[in-house]
Amino acid sequence: MTKKDLNDKKAVLTFDGKKYIMEDLSEEIKEIIKSLQIADAQLKMHEDTLKLLSIGKNSLINDLRKKLEDN
C-alpha cells in the first residue's frame, strides 16, 4: 500500500447493512446524519443525568431510612 493509498481513505457510512461513501451523499442526507449524531449525544447526556438523579434519590432514601430508625 502506498502513501497515496493511505491518504485516499474515504469516510464510509454503514446503514442497514449497506456502505455509502460520505462525500458522495447529498447535503440533505449529510444534514440528517448530523442531526442523528446530535440526537445520540443528547440521549447519552440525558441518560447520564438520569443515572445521577437515581443516585441522588437512592441517597435521599437511605438518609430518610437512617433518620427514621434513629427517631
C-alpha atoms as a PDB file:
ATOM      1  CA  MET A   1       0.000   0.000   0.000  1.00  0.00           C
ATOM      2  CA  THR A   2       1.445   3.356  -0.976  1.00  0.00           C
ATOM      3  CA  LYS A   3       1.284   6.591   0.992  1.00  0.00           C
ATOM      4  CA  LYS A   4      -1.236   7.899  -1.546  1.00  0.00           C
ATOM      5  CA  ASP A   5      -3.476   4.848  -0.884  1.00  0.00           C
ATOM      6  CA  LEU A   6      -3.422   5.601   2.847  1.00  0.00           C
ATOM      7  CA  ASN A   7      -4.413   9.220   2.248  1.00  0.00           C
ATOM      8  CA  ASP A   8      -7.248   8.239  -0.099  1.00  0.00           C
ATOM      9  CA  LYS A   9      -9.289   6.536   2.643  1.00  0.00           C
ATOM     10  CA  LYS A  10     -12.804   7.913   2.491  1.00  0.00           C
ATOM     11  CA  ALA A  11     -15.358   8.157   5.284  1.00  0.00           C
ATOM     12  CA  VAL A  12     -17.968   5.442   4.917  1.00  0.00           C
ATOM     13  CA  LEU A  13     -21.476   5.272   6.357  1.00  0.00           C
ATOM     14  CA  THR A  14     -22.783   1.785   7.054  1.00  0.00           C
ATOM     15  CA  PHE A  15     -26.569   1.784   7.310  1.00  0.00           C
ATOM     16  CA  ASP A  16     -28.934  -1.186   7.131  1.00  0.00           C
ATOM     17  CA  GLY A  17     -26.044  -3.399   6.059  1.00  0.00           C
ATOM     18  CA  LYS A  18     -25.073  -1.185   3.123  1.00  0.00           C
ATOM     19  CA  LYS A  19     -21.989   1.017   2.799  1.00  0.00           C
ATOM     20  CA  TYR A  20     -22.103   4.553   1.441  1.00  0.00           C
ATOM     21  CA  ILE A  21     -19.174   6.881   0.748  1.00  0.00           C
ATOM     22  CA  MET A  22     -19.918  10.037   2.721  1.00  0.00           C
ATOM     23  CA  GLU A  23     -18.608  12.501   0.153  1.00  0.00           C
ATOM     24  CA  ASP A  24     -20.983  11.009  -2.441  1.00  0.00           C
ATOM     25  CA  LEU A  25     -24.071  11.687  -0.314  1.00  0.00           C
ATOM     26  CA  SER A  26     -26.285  14.730  -0.808  1.00  0.00           C
ATOM     27  CA  GLU A  27     -26.128  17.661   1.593  1.00  0.00           C
ATOM     28  CA  GLU A  28     -29.641  16.795   2.768  1.00  0.00           C
ATOM     29  CA  ILE A  29     -28.509  13.298   3.769  1.00  0.00           C
ATOM     30  CA  LYS A  30     -25.417  14.692   5.468  1.00  0.00           C
ATOM     31  CA  GLU A  31     -27.626  17.062   7.496  1.00  0.00           C
ATOM     32  CA  ILE A  32     -29.832  14.146   8.566  1.00  0.00           C
ATOM     33  CA  ILE A  33     -26.738  12.222   9.658  1.00  0.00           C
ATOM     34  CA  LYS A  34     -25.514  15.267  11.605  1.00  0.00           C
ATOM     35  CA  SER A  35     -28.932  15.557  13.286  1.00  0.00           C
ATOM     36  CA  LEU A  36     -28.794  11.874  14.244  1.00  0.00           C
ATOM     37  CA  GLN A  37     -25.359  12.387  15.785  1.00  0.00           C
ATOM     38  CA  ILE A  38     -26.674  15.326  17.816  1.00  0.00           C
ATOM     39  CA  ALA A  39     -29.692  13.283  18.930  1.00  0.00           C
ATOM     40  CA  ASP A  40     -27.388  10.444  20.027  1.00  0.00           C
ATOM     41  CA  ALA A  41     -25.242  12.859  22.028  1.00  0.00           C
ATOM     42  CA  GLN A  42     -28.296  14.367  23.708  1.00  0.00           C
ATOM     43  CA  LEU A  43     -29.684  10.923  24.551  1.00  0.00           C
ATOM     44  CA  LYS A  44     -26.367   9.999  26.162  1.00  0.00           C
ATOM     45  CA  MET A  45     -26.351  13.230  28.152  1.00  0.00           C
ATOM     46  CA  HIS A  46     -29.893  12.640  29.411  1.00  0.00           C
ATOM     47  CA  GLU A  47     -29.138   9.012  30.255  1.00  0.00           C
ATOM     48  CA  ASP A  48     -26.206  10.225  32.357  1.00  0.00           C
ATOM     49  CA  THR A  49     -28.459  12.808  34.024  1.00  0.00           C
ATOM     50  CA  LEU A  50     -30.997  10.090  34.867  1.00  0.00           C
ATOM     51  CA  LYS A  51     -28.241   7.990  36.423  1.00  0.00           C
ATOM     52  CA  LEU A  52     -27.174  10.922  38.594  1.00  0.00           C
ATOM     53  CA  LEU A  53     -30.775  11.590  39.643  1.00  0.00           C
ATOM     54  CA  SER A  54     -31.202   7.934  40.544  1.00  0.00           C
ATOM     55  CA  ILE A  55     -28.052   8.011  42.675  1.00  0.00           C
ATOM     56  CA  GLY A  56     -29.289  11.163  44.415  1.00  0.00           C
ATOM     57  CA  LYS A  57     -32.723   9.634  45.022  1.00  0.00           C
ATOM     58  CA  ASN A  58     -31.192   6.495  46.494  1.00  0.00           C
ATOM     59  CA  SER A  59     -29.038   8.629  48.769  1.00  0.00           C
ATOM     60  CA  LEU A  60     -32.100  10.534  49.997  1.00  0.00           C
ATOM     61  CA  ILE A  61     -33.962   7.258  50.613  1.00  0.00           C
ATOM     62  CA  ASN A  62     -31.019   5.970  52.644  1.00  0.00           C
ATOM     63  CA  ASP A  63     -30.876   9.243  54.606  1.00  0.00           C
ATOM     64  CA  LEU A  64     -34.614   9.030  55.326  1.00  0.00           C
ATOM     65  CA  ARG A  65     -34.317   5.400  56.396  1.00  0.00           C
ATOM     66  CA  LYS A  66     -31.476   6.233  58.788  1.00  0.00           C
ATOM     67  CA  LYS A  67     -33.276   9.270  60.242  1.00  0.00           C
ATOM     68  CA  LEU A  68     -36.475   7.248  60.802  1.00  0.00           C
ATOM     69  CA  GLU A  69     -34.526   4.463  62.505  1.00  0.00           C
ATOM     70  CA  ASP A  70     -32.792   6.994  64.791  1.00  0.00           C
ATOM     71  CA  ASN A  71     -36.076   8.721  65.617  1.00  0.00           C
END
